[in-house]
């Protein structure tokens, strides 16, 4: 069995979350006109980061901030969970 590092798994999870978030954002904006079911669930990490910014910002910086937040939060969470499960299982490889 190939041993993967925590960083690789976390980065992959972060990239997948950005792709899913981008698709959800695009569908919400273009197809549903702002009322897509599940939008808040798909983009919860990105919207959480946006909630920390209280001022009104333009569309593109807001989208970039949302997707960056999506990546950072999911990557950090995946790395923390993987590290936790490696410690619980007693794995010795990094």
PDB file of N, CA and C in Angstrom:
ATOM      1  N   UNK A   1       0.835  -1.180   0.000  1.00  0.00           N
ATOM      2  CA  UNK A   1       0.000   0.000   0.000  1.00  0.00           C
ATOM      3  C   UNK A   1       0.881   1.245   0.000  1.00  0.00           C
ATOM      4  N   UNK A   2       0.554   2.191  -0.856  1.00  0.00           N
ATOM      5  CA  UNK A   2       1.334   3.415  -0.952  1.00  0.00           C
ATOM      6  C   UNK A   2       0.980   4.340   0.211  1.00  0.00           C
ATOM      7  N   UNK A   3       2.009   4.874   0.829  1.00  0.00           N
ATOM      8  CA  UNK A   3       1.808   5.791   1.941  1.00  0.00           C
ATOM      9  C   UNK A   3       1.776   7.211   1.394  1.00  0.00           C
ATOM     10  N   UNK A   4       0.719   7.955   1.705  1.00  0.00           N
ATOM     11  CA  UNK A   4       0.624   9.328   1.238  1.00  0.00           C
ATOM     12  C   UNK A   4       0.862  10.278   2.403  1.00  0.00           C
ATOM     13  N   UNK A   5       1.396  11.421   2.091  1.00  0.00           N
ATOM     14  CA  UNK A   5       1.643  12.386   3.148  1.00  0.00           C
ATOM     15  C   UNK A   5       0.368  13.164   3.443  1.00  0.00           C
ATOM     16  N   UNK A   6       0.322  13.704   4.619  1.00  0.00           N
ATOM     17  CA  UNK A   6      -0.842  14.474   5.040  1.00  0.00           C
ATOM     18  C   UNK A   6      -1.029  15.695   4.147  1.00  0.00           C
ATOM     19  N   UNK A   7       0.053  16.321   3.754  1.00  0.00           N
ATOM     20  CA  UNK A   7      -0.036  17.510   2.912  1.00  0.00           C
ATOM     21  C   UNK A   7      -0.658  17.240   1.562  1.00  0.00           C
ATOM     22  N   UNK A   8      -0.315  16.104   0.953  1.00  0.00           N
ATOM     23  CA  UNK A   8      -0.886  15.780  -0.356  1.00  0.00           C
ATOM     24  C   UNK A   8      -2.388  15.571  -0.269  1.00  0.00           C
ATOM     25  N   UNK A   9      -2.833  14.844   0.734  1.00  0.00           N
ATOM     26  CA  UNK A   9      -4.262  14.601   0.904  1.00  0.00           C
ATOM     27  C   UNK A   9      -5.004  15.906   1.187  1.00  0.00           C
ATOM     28  N   UNK A  10      -4.442  16.736   2.033  1.00  0.00           N
ATOM     29  CA  UNK A  10      -5.085  17.996   2.388  1.00  0.00           C
ATOM     30  C   UNK A  10      -5.165  18.935   1.184  1.00  0.00           C
ATOM     31  N   UNK A  11      -4.095  19.022   0.410  1.00  0.00           N
ATOM     32  CA  UNK A  11      -4.123  19.873  -0.787  1.00  0.00           C
ATOM     33  C   UNK A  11      -5.123  19.368  -1.811  1.00  0.00           C
ATOM     34  N   UNK A  12      -5.201  18.059  -1.977  1.00  0.00           N
ATOM     35  CA  UNK A  12      -6.177  17.488  -2.899  1.00  0.00           C
ATOM     36  C   UNK A  12      -7.602  17.812  -2.442  1.00  0.00           C
ATOM     37  N   UNK A  13      -7.865  17.662  -1.146  1.00  0.00           N
ATOM     38  CA  UNK A  13      -9.197  17.983  -0.614  1.00  0.00           C
ATOM     39  C   UNK A  13      -9.511  19.466  -0.813  1.00  0.00           C
ATOM     40  N   UNK A  14      -8.526  20.332  -0.611  1.00  0.00           N
ATOM     41  CA  UNK A  14      -8.727  21.763  -0.823  1.00  0.00           C
ATOM     42  C   UNK A  14      -9.023  22.100  -2.269  1.00  0.00           C
ATOM     43  N   UNK A  15      -8.294  21.479  -3.191  1.00  0.00           N
ATOM     44  CA  UNK A  15      -8.543  21.736  -4.611  1.00  0.00           C
ATOM     45  C   UNK A  15      -9.915  21.225  -5.043  1.00  0.00           C
ATOM     46  N   UNK A  16     -10.304  20.057  -4.558  1.00  0.00           N
ATOM     47  CA  UNK A  16     -11.628  19.520  -4.883  1.00  0.00           C
ATOM     48  C   UNK A  16     -12.717  20.445  -4.347  1.00  0.00           C
ATOM     49  N   UNK A  17     -12.513  20.976  -3.147  1.00  0.00           N
ATOM     50  CA  UNK A  17     -13.515  21.876  -2.581  1.00  0.00           C
ATOM     51  C   UNK A  17     -13.631  23.175  -3.381  1.00  0.00           C
ATOM     52  N   UNK A  18     -12.524  23.654  -3.935  1.00  0.00           N
ATOM     53  CA  UNK A  18     -12.570  24.866  -4.761  1.00  0.00           C
ATOM     54  C   UNK A  18     -13.320  24.589  -6.064  1.00  0.00           C
ATOM     55  N   UNK A  19     -13.082  23.422  -6.663  1.00  0.00           N
ATOM     56  CA  UNK A  19     -13.796  23.070  -7.892  1.00  0.00           C
ATOM     57  C   UNK A  19     -15.292  22.947  -7.613  1.00  0.00           C
ATOM     58  N   UNK A  20     -15.646  22.244  -6.546  1.00  0.00           N
ATOM     59  CA  UNK A  20     -17.061  22.094  -6.197  1.00  0.00           C
ATOM     60  C   UNK A  20     -17.676  23.455  -5.869  1.00  0.00           C
ATOM     61  N   UNK A  21     -16.949  24.279  -5.125  1.00  0.00           N
ATOM     62  CA  UNK A  21     -17.442  25.612  -4.801  1.00  0.00           C
ATOM     63  C   UNK A  21     -17.617  26.488  -6.024  1.00  0.00           C
ATOM     64  N   UNK A  22     -16.676  26.405  -6.958  1.00  0.00           N
ATOM     65  CA  UNK A  22     -16.798  27.179  -8.200  1.00  0.00           C
ATOM     66  C   UNK A  22     -17.990  26.747  -9.031  1.00  0.00           C
ATOM     67  N   UNK A  23     -18.215  25.450  -9.103  1.00  0.00           N
ATOM     68  CA  UNK A  23     -19.370  24.937  -9.847  1.00  0.00           C
ATOM     69  C   UNK A  23     -20.664  25.369  -9.166  1.00  0.00           C
ATOM     70  N   UNK A  24     -20.717  25.232  -7.835  1.00  0.00           N
ATOM     71  CA  UNK A  24     -21.921  25.626  -7.098  1.00  0.00           C
ATOM     72  C   UNK A  24     -22.188  27.118  -7.252  1.00  0.00           C
ATOM     73  N   UNK A  25     -21.137  27.932  -7.180  1.00  0.00           N
ATOM     74  CA  UNK A  25     -21.307  29.374  -7.333  1.00  0.00           C
ATOM     75  C   UNK A  25     -21.818  29.721  -8.725  1.00  0.00           C
ATOM     76  N   UNK A  26     -21.235  29.092  -9.741  1.00  0.00           N
ATOM     77  CA  UNK A  26     -21.644  29.362 -11.118  1.00  0.00           C
ATOM     78  C   UNK A  26     -23.090  28.959 -11.357  1.00  0.00           C
ATOM     79  N   UNK A  27     -23.460  27.773 -10.891  1.00  0.00           N
ATOM     80  CA  UNK A  27     -24.846  27.335 -11.052  1.00  0.00           C
ATOM     81  C   UNK A  27     -25.811  28.249 -10.296  1.00  0.00           C
ATOM     82  N   UNK A  28     -25.430  28.625  -9.080  1.00  0.00           N
ATOM     83  CA  UNK A  28     -26.290  29.507  -8.293  1.00  0.00           C
ATOM     84  C   UNK A  28     -26.470  30.852  -8.991  1.00  0.00           C
ATOM     85  N   UNK A  29     -25.405  31.387  -9.553  1.00  0.00           N
ATOM     86  CA  UNK A  29     -25.440  32.709 -10.178  1.00  0.00           C
ATOM     87  C   UNK A  29     -26.173  32.682 -11.522  1.00  0.00           C
ATOM     88  N   UNK A  30     -25.882  31.669 -12.358  1.00  0.00           N
ATOM     89  CA  UNK A  30     -26.399  31.660 -13.726  1.00  0.00           C
ATOM     90  C   UNK A  30     -27.700  30.900 -13.916  1.00  0.00           C
ATOM     91  N   UNK A  31     -27.912  29.830 -13.187  1.00  0.00           N
ATOM     92  CA  UNK A  31     -29.084  28.983 -13.423  1.00  0.00           C
ATOM     93  C   UNK A  31     -30.223  29.327 -12.473  1.00  0.00           C
ATOM     94  N   UNK A  32     -29.941  29.371 -11.186  1.00  0.00           N
ATOM     95  CA  UNK A  32     -31.004  29.588 -10.208  1.00  0.00           C
ATOM     96  C   UNK A  32     -31.198  31.046  -9.842  1.00  0.00           C
ATOM     97  N   UNK A  33     -30.333  31.909 -10.257  1.00  0.00           N
ATOM     98  CA  UNK A  33     -30.483  33.330  -9.962  1.00  0.00           C
ATOM     99  C   UNK A  33     -30.376  33.657  -8.481  1.00  0.00           C
ATOM    100  N   UNK A  34     -29.615  32.898  -7.741  1.00  0.00           N
ATOM    101  CA  UNK A  34     -29.380  33.178  -6.335  1.00  0.00           C
ATOM    102  C   UNK A  34     -30.153  32.305  -5.374  1.00  0.00           C
ATOM    103  N   UNK A  35     -30.899  31.335  -5.849  1.00  0.00           N
ATOM    104  CA  UNK A  35     -31.686  30.507  -4.942  1.00  0.00           C
ATOM    105  C   UNK A  35     -31.431  29.025  -5.081  1.00  0.00           C
ATOM    106  N   UNK A  36     -30.198  28.633  -5.349  1.00  0.00           N
ATOM    107  CA  UNK A  36     -29.877  27.215  -5.535  1.00  0.00           C
ATOM    108  C   UNK A  36     -29.997  26.444  -4.224  1.00  0.00           C
ATOM    109  N   UNK A  37     -30.705  25.309  -4.259  1.00  0.00           N
ATOM    110  CA  UNK A  37     -30.779  24.488  -3.046  1.00  0.00           C
ATOM    111  C   UNK A  37     -29.396  23.912  -2.706  1.00  0.00           C
ATOM    112  N   UNK A  38     -28.999  23.985  -1.457  1.00  0.00           N
ATOM    113  CA  UNK A  38     -27.726  23.445  -1.013  1.00  0.00           C
ATOM    114  C   UNK A  38     -26.543  24.365  -1.200  1.00  0.00           C
ATOM    115  N   UNK A  39     -26.766  25.561  -1.722  1.00  0.00           N
ATOM    116  CA  UNK A  39     -25.667  26.494  -1.972  1.00  0.00           C
ATOM    117  C   UNK A  39     -24.903  26.807  -0.693  1.00  0.00           C
ATOM    118  N   UNK A  40     -25.623  27.056   0.385  1.00  0.00           N
ATOM    119  CA  UNK A  40     -24.973  27.400   1.655  1.00  0.00           C
ATOM    120  C   UNK A  40     -24.178  26.236   2.218  1.00  0.00           C
ATOM    121  N   UNK A  41     -24.590  25.021   1.919  1.00  0.00           N
ATOM    122  CA  UNK A  41     -23.852  23.849   2.398  1.00  0.00           C
ATOM    123  C   UNK A  41     -22.562  23.678   1.608  1.00  0.00           C
ATOM    124  N   UNK A  42     -22.660  23.771   0.272  1.00  0.00           N
ATOM    125  CA  UNK A  42     -21.479  23.595  -0.569  1.00  0.00           C
ATOM    126  C   UNK A  42     -20.411  24.654  -0.291  1.00  0.00           C
ATOM    127  N   UNK A  43     -20.829  25.872  -0.040  1.00  0.00           N
ATOM    128  CA  UNK A  43     -19.880  26.969   0.128  1.00  0.00           C
ATOM    129  C   UNK A  43     -19.808  27.472   1.569  1.00  0.00           C
ATOM    130  N   UNK A  44     -20.094  26.615   2.537  1.00  0.00           N
ATOM    131  CA  UNK A  44     -20.044  27.041   3.936  1.00  0.00           C
ATOM    132  C   UNK A  44     -18.674  27.573   4.341  1.00  0.00           C
ATOM    133  N   UNK A  45     -17.567  26.860   4.044  1.00  0.00           N
ATOM    134  CA  UNK A  45     -16.257  27.399   4.460  1.00  0.00           C
ATOM    135  C   UNK A  45     -15.947  28.750   3.823  1.00  0.00           C
ATOM    136  N   UNK A  46     -16.254  28.899   2.543  1.00  0.00           N
ATOM    137  CA  UNK A  46     -15.999  30.173   1.877  1.00  0.00           C
ATOM    138  C   UNK A  46     -16.877  31.286   2.409  1.00  0.00           C
ATOM    139  N   UNK A  47     -18.146  30.975   2.669  1.00  0.00           N
ATOM    140  CA  UNK A  47     -19.052  31.980   3.228  1.00  0.00           C
ATOM    141  C   UNK A  47     -18.679  32.333   4.661  1.00  0.00           C
ATOM    142  N   UNK A  48     -18.114  31.368   5.394  1.00  0.00           N
ATOM    143  CA  UNK A  48     -17.640  31.646   6.749  1.00  0.00           C
ATOM    144  C   UNK A  48     -16.523  32.691   6.712  1.00  0.00           C
ATOM    145  N   UNK A  49     -15.603  32.543   5.787  1.00  0.00           N
ATOM    146  CA  UNK A  49     -14.520  33.522   5.651  1.00  0.00           C
ATOM    147  C   UNK A  49     -15.079  34.869   5.207  1.00  0.00           C
ATOM    148  N   UNK A  50     -16.051  34.858   4.294  1.00  0.00           N
ATOM    149  CA  UNK A  50     -16.653  36.120   3.854  1.00  0.00           C
ATOM    150  C   UNK A  50     -17.389  36.825   4.983  1.00  0.00           C
ATOM    151  N   UNK A  51     -17.940  36.067   5.925  1.00  0.00           N
ATOM    152  CA  UNK A  51     -18.663  36.696   7.033  1.00  0.00           C
ATOM    153  C   UNK A  51     -17.734  37.505   7.933  1.00  0.00           C
ATOM    154  N   UNK A  52     -16.443  37.232   7.862  1.00  0.00           N
ATOM    155  CA  UNK A  52     -15.475  38.001   8.655  1.00  0.00           C
ATOM    156  C   UNK A  52     -15.182  39.355   8.033  1.00  0.00           C
ATOM    157  N   UNK A  53     -15.511  39.512   6.747  1.00  0.00           N
ATOM    158  CA  UNK A  53     -15.319  40.777   6.046  1.00  0.00           C
ATOM    159  C   UNK A  53     -16.659  41.501   6.070  1.00  0.00           C
ATOM    160  N   UNK A  54     -16.731  42.601   6.789  1.00  0.00           N
ATOM    161  CA  UNK A  54     -18.019  43.255   6.996  1.00  0.00           C
ATOM    162  C   UNK A  54     -18.346  44.307   5.948  1.00  0.00           C
ATOM    163  N   UNK A  55     -17.350  44.780   5.228  1.00  0.00           N
ATOM    164  CA  UNK A  55     -17.619  45.839   4.253  1.00  0.00           C
ATOM    165  C   UNK A  55     -18.063  45.251   2.919  1.00  0.00           C
ATOM    166  N   UNK A  56     -18.762  46.033   2.155  1.00  0.00           N
ATOM    167  CA  UNK A  56     -19.186  45.619   0.818  1.00  0.00           C
ATOM    168  C   UNK A  56     -17.983  45.678  -0.123  1.00  0.00           C
ATOM    169  N   UNK A  57     -17.790  44.603  -0.892  1.00  0.00           N
ATOM    170  CA  UNK A  57     -16.689  44.567  -1.849  1.00  0.00           C
ATOM    171  C   UNK A  57     -17.247  44.181  -3.205  1.00  0.00           C
ATOM    172  N   UNK A  58     -16.473  44.430  -4.248  1.00  0.00           N
ATOM    173  CA  UNK A  58     -16.903  44.133  -5.610  1.00  0.00           C
ATOM    174  C   UNK A  58     -16.984  42.628  -5.840  1.00  0.00           C
ATOM    175  N   UNK A  59     -17.570  42.253  -6.982  1.00  0.00           N
ATOM    176  CA  UNK A  59     -17.845  40.859  -7.295  1.00  0.00           C
ATOM    177  C   UNK A  59     -16.588  39.997  -7.353  1.00  0.00           C
ATOM    178  N   UNK A  60     -15.609  40.369  -8.183  1.00  0.00           N
ATOM    179  CA  UNK A  60     -14.435  39.510  -8.393  1.00  0.00           C
ATOM    180  C   UNK A  60     -13.572  39.348  -7.151  1.00  0.00           C
ATOM    181  N   UNK A  61     -13.284  40.418  -6.399  1.00  0.00           N
ATOM    182  CA  UNK A  61     -12.543  40.201  -5.152  1.00  0.00           C
ATOM    183  C   UNK A  61     -13.321  39.339  -4.152  1.00  0.00           C
ATOM    184  N   UNK A  62     -14.642  39.494  -4.142  1.00  0.00           N
ATOM    185  CA  UNK A  62     -15.470  38.695  -3.243  1.00  0.00           C
ATOM    186  C   UNK A  62     -15.420  37.220  -3.636  1.00  0.00           C
ATOM    187  N   UNK A  63     -15.511  36.929  -4.931  1.00  0.00           N
ATOM    188  CA  UNK A  63     -15.428  35.544  -5.407  1.00  0.00           C
ATOM    189  C   UNK A  63     -14.060  34.955  -5.103  1.00  0.00           C
ATOM    190  N   UNK A  64     -12.998  35.722  -5.327  1.00  0.00           N
ATOM    191  CA  UNK A  64     -11.647  35.253  -5.032  1.00  0.00           C
ATOM    192  C   UNK A  64     -11.466  34.992  -3.536  1.00  0.00           C
ATOM    193  N   UNK A  65     -11.971  35.869  -2.708  1.00  0.00           N
ATOM    194  CA  UNK A  65     -11.889  35.690  -1.263  1.00  0.00           C
ATOM    195  C   UNK A  65     -12.692  34.469  -0.809  1.00  0.00           C
ATOM    196  N   UNK A  66     -13.856  34.279  -1.406  1.00  0.00           N
ATOM    197  CA  UNK A  66     -14.690  33.132  -1.049  1.00  0.00           C
ATOM    198  C   UNK A  66     -14.015  31.815  -1.413  1.00  0.00           C
ATOM    199  N   UNK A  67     -13.476  31.712  -2.626  1.00  0.00           N
ATOM    200  CA  UNK A  67     -12.827  30.474  -3.052  1.00  0.00           C
ATOM    201  C   UNK A  67     -11.500  30.253  -2.320  1.00  0.00           C
ATOM    202  N   UNK A  68     -10.797  31.324  -1.983  1.00  0.00           N
ATOM    203  CA  UNK A  68      -9.577  31.186  -1.185  1.00  0.00           C
ATOM    204  C   UNK A  68      -9.916  30.685   0.215  1.00  0.00           C
ATOM    205  N   UNK A  69     -10.958  31.234   0.789  1.00  0.00           N
ATOM    206  CA  UNK A  69     -11.406  30.758   2.096  1.00  0.00           C
ATOM    207  C   UNK A  69     -11.849  29.310   2.050  1.00  0.00           C
ATOM    208  N   UNK A  70     -12.529  28.942   0.981  1.00  0.00           N
ATOM    209  CA  UNK A  70     -12.950  27.550   0.785  1.00  0.00           C
ATOM    210  C   UNK A  70     -11.719  26.641   0.793  1.00  0.00           C
ATOM    211  N   UNK A  71     -10.690  27.019   0.056  1.00  0.00           N
ATOM    212  CA  UNK A  71      -9.477  26.218  -0.031  1.00  0.00           C
ATOM    213  C   UNK A  71      -8.756  26.127   1.315  1.00  0.00           C
ATOM    214  N   UNK A  72      -8.559  27.251   1.961  1.00  0.00           N
ATOM    215  CA  UNK A  72      -7.784  27.283   3.204  1.00  0.00           C
ATOM    216  C   UNK A  72      -8.488  26.510   4.319  1.00  0.00           C
ATOM    217  N   UNK A  73      -9.781  26.724   4.483  1.00  0.00           N
ATOM    218  CA  UNK A  73     -10.497  26.057   5.573  1.00  0.00           C
ATOM    219  C   UNK A  73     -10.552  24.547   5.351  1.00  0.00           C
ATOM    220  N   UNK A  74     -10.855  24.111   4.137  1.00  0.00           N
ATOM    221  CA  UNK A  74     -10.947  22.672   3.863  1.00  0.00           C
ATOM    222  C   UNK A  74      -9.564  22.025   3.951  1.00  0.00           C
ATOM    223  N   UNK A  75      -8.527  22.690   3.446  1.00  0.00           N
ATOM    224  CA  UNK A  75      -7.179  22.135   3.522  1.00  0.00           C
ATOM    225  C   UNK A  75      -6.737  21.980   4.978  1.00  0.00           C
ATOM    226  N   UNK A  76      -6.978  22.981   5.784  1.00  0.00           N
ATOM    227  CA  UNK A  76      -6.598  22.905   7.199  1.00  0.00           C
ATOM    228  C   UNK A  76      -7.393  21.826   7.931  1.00  0.00           C
ATOM    229  N   UNK A  77      -8.679  21.742   7.647  1.00  0.00           N
ATOM    230  CA  UNK A  77      -9.508  20.725   8.301  1.00  0.00           C
ATOM    231  C   UNK A  77      -9.090  19.318   7.885  1.00  0.00           C
ATOM    232  N   UNK A  78      -8.799  19.123   6.606  1.00  0.00           N
ATOM    233  CA  UNK A  78      -8.378  17.803   6.122  1.00  0.00           C
ATOM    234  C   UNK A  78      -7.029  17.410   6.727  1.00  0.00           C
ATOM    235  N   UNK A  79      -6.115  18.359   6.834  1.00  0.00           N
ATOM    236  CA  UNK A  79      -4.811  18.060   7.434  1.00  0.00           C
ATOM    237  C   UNK A  79      -4.960  17.713   8.915  1.00  0.00           C
ATOM    238  N   UNK A  80      -5.803  18.451   9.616  1.00  0.00           N
ATOM    239  CA  UNK A  80      -6.010  18.171  11.040  1.00  0.00           C
ATOM    240  C   UNK A  80      -6.666  16.804  11.241  1.00  0.00           C
ATOM    241  N   UNK A  81      -7.678  16.490  10.437  1.00  0.00           N
ATOM    242  CA  UNK A  81      -8.343  15.192  10.566  1.00  0.00           C
ATOM    243  C   UNK A  81      -7.415  14.041  10.215  1.00  0.00           C
ATOM    244  N   UNK A  82      -6.643  14.199   9.161  1.00  0.00           N
ATOM    245  CA  UNK A  82      -5.721  13.129   8.765  1.00  0.00           C
ATOM    246  C   UNK A  82      -4.656  12.910   9.837  1.00  0.00           C
ATOM    247  N   UNK A  83      -4.133  13.987  10.392  1.00  0.00           N
ATOM    248  CA  UNK A  83      -3.152  13.867  11.466  1.00  0.00           C
ATOM    249  C   UNK A  83      -3.760  13.188  12.687  1.00  0.00           C
ATOM    250  N   UNK A  84      -4.965  13.565  13.022  1.00  0.00           N
ATOM    251  CA  UNK A  84      -5.654  12.954  14.156  1.00  0.00           C
ATOM    252  C   UNK A  84      -5.842  11.450  13.943  1.00  0.00           C
ATOM    253  N   UNK A  85      -6.319  11.066  12.771  1.00  0.00           N
ATOM    254  CA  UNK A  85      -6.566   9.648  12.514  1.00  0.00           C
ATOM    255  C   UNK A  85      -5.265   8.849  12.430  1.00  0.00           C
ATOM    256  N   UNK A  86      -4.196   9.461  11.953  1.00  0.00           N
ATOM    257  CA  UNK A  86      -2.903   8.775  11.947  1.00  0.00           C
ATOM    258  C   UNK A  86      -2.419   8.531  13.375  1.00  0.00           C
ATOM    259  N   UNK A  87      -2.631   9.502  14.250  1.00  0.00           N
ATOM    260  CA  UNK A  87      -2.231   9.327  15.648  1.00  0.00           C
ATOM    261  C   UNK A  87      -3.087   8.257  16.327  1.00  0.00           C
ATOM    262  N   UNK A  88      -4.382   8.246  16.041  1.00  0.00           N
ATOM    263  CA  UNK A  88      -5.278   7.254  16.645  1.00  0.00           C
ATOM    264  C   UNK A  88      -4.911   5.847  16.174  1.00  0.00           C
ATOM    265  N   UNK A  89      -4.605   5.700  14.885  1.00  0.00           N
ATOM    266  CA  UNK A  89      -4.235   4.385  14.339  1.00  0.00           C
ATOM    267  C   UNK A  89      -2.828   3.982  14.739  1.00  0.00           C
ATOM    268  N   UNK A  90      -2.022   4.922  15.144  1.00  0.00           N
ATOM    269  CA  UNK A  90      -0.650   4.622  15.532  1.00  0.00           C
ATOM    270  C   UNK A  90       0.296   4.515  14.344  1.00  0.00           C
ATOM    271  N   UNK A  91      -0.037   5.140  13.232  1.00  0.00           N
ATOM    272  CA  UNK A  91       0.847   5.138  12.069  1.00  0.00           C
ATOM    273  C   UNK A  91       2.106   5.927  12.391  1.00  0.00           C
ATOM    274  N   UNK A  92       3.236   5.404  11.944  1.00  0.00           N
ATOM    275  CA  UNK A  92       4.506   6.057  12.240  1.00  0.00           C
ATOM    276  C   UNK A  92       5.067   6.841  11.073  1.00  0.00           C
ATOM    277  N   UNK A  93       4.531   6.646   9.890  1.00  0.00           N
ATOM    278  CA  UNK A  93       5.056   7.388   8.740  1.00  0.00           C
ATOM    279  C   UNK A  93       4.469   8.780   8.726  1.00  0.00           C
ATOM    280  N   UNK A  94       5.192   9.739   8.119  1.00  0.00           N
ATOM    281  CA  UNK A  94       4.724  11.132   8.132  1.00  0.00           C
ATOM    282  C   UNK A  94       3.520  11.378   7.276  1.00  0.00           C
TER     283      UNK A  94
END
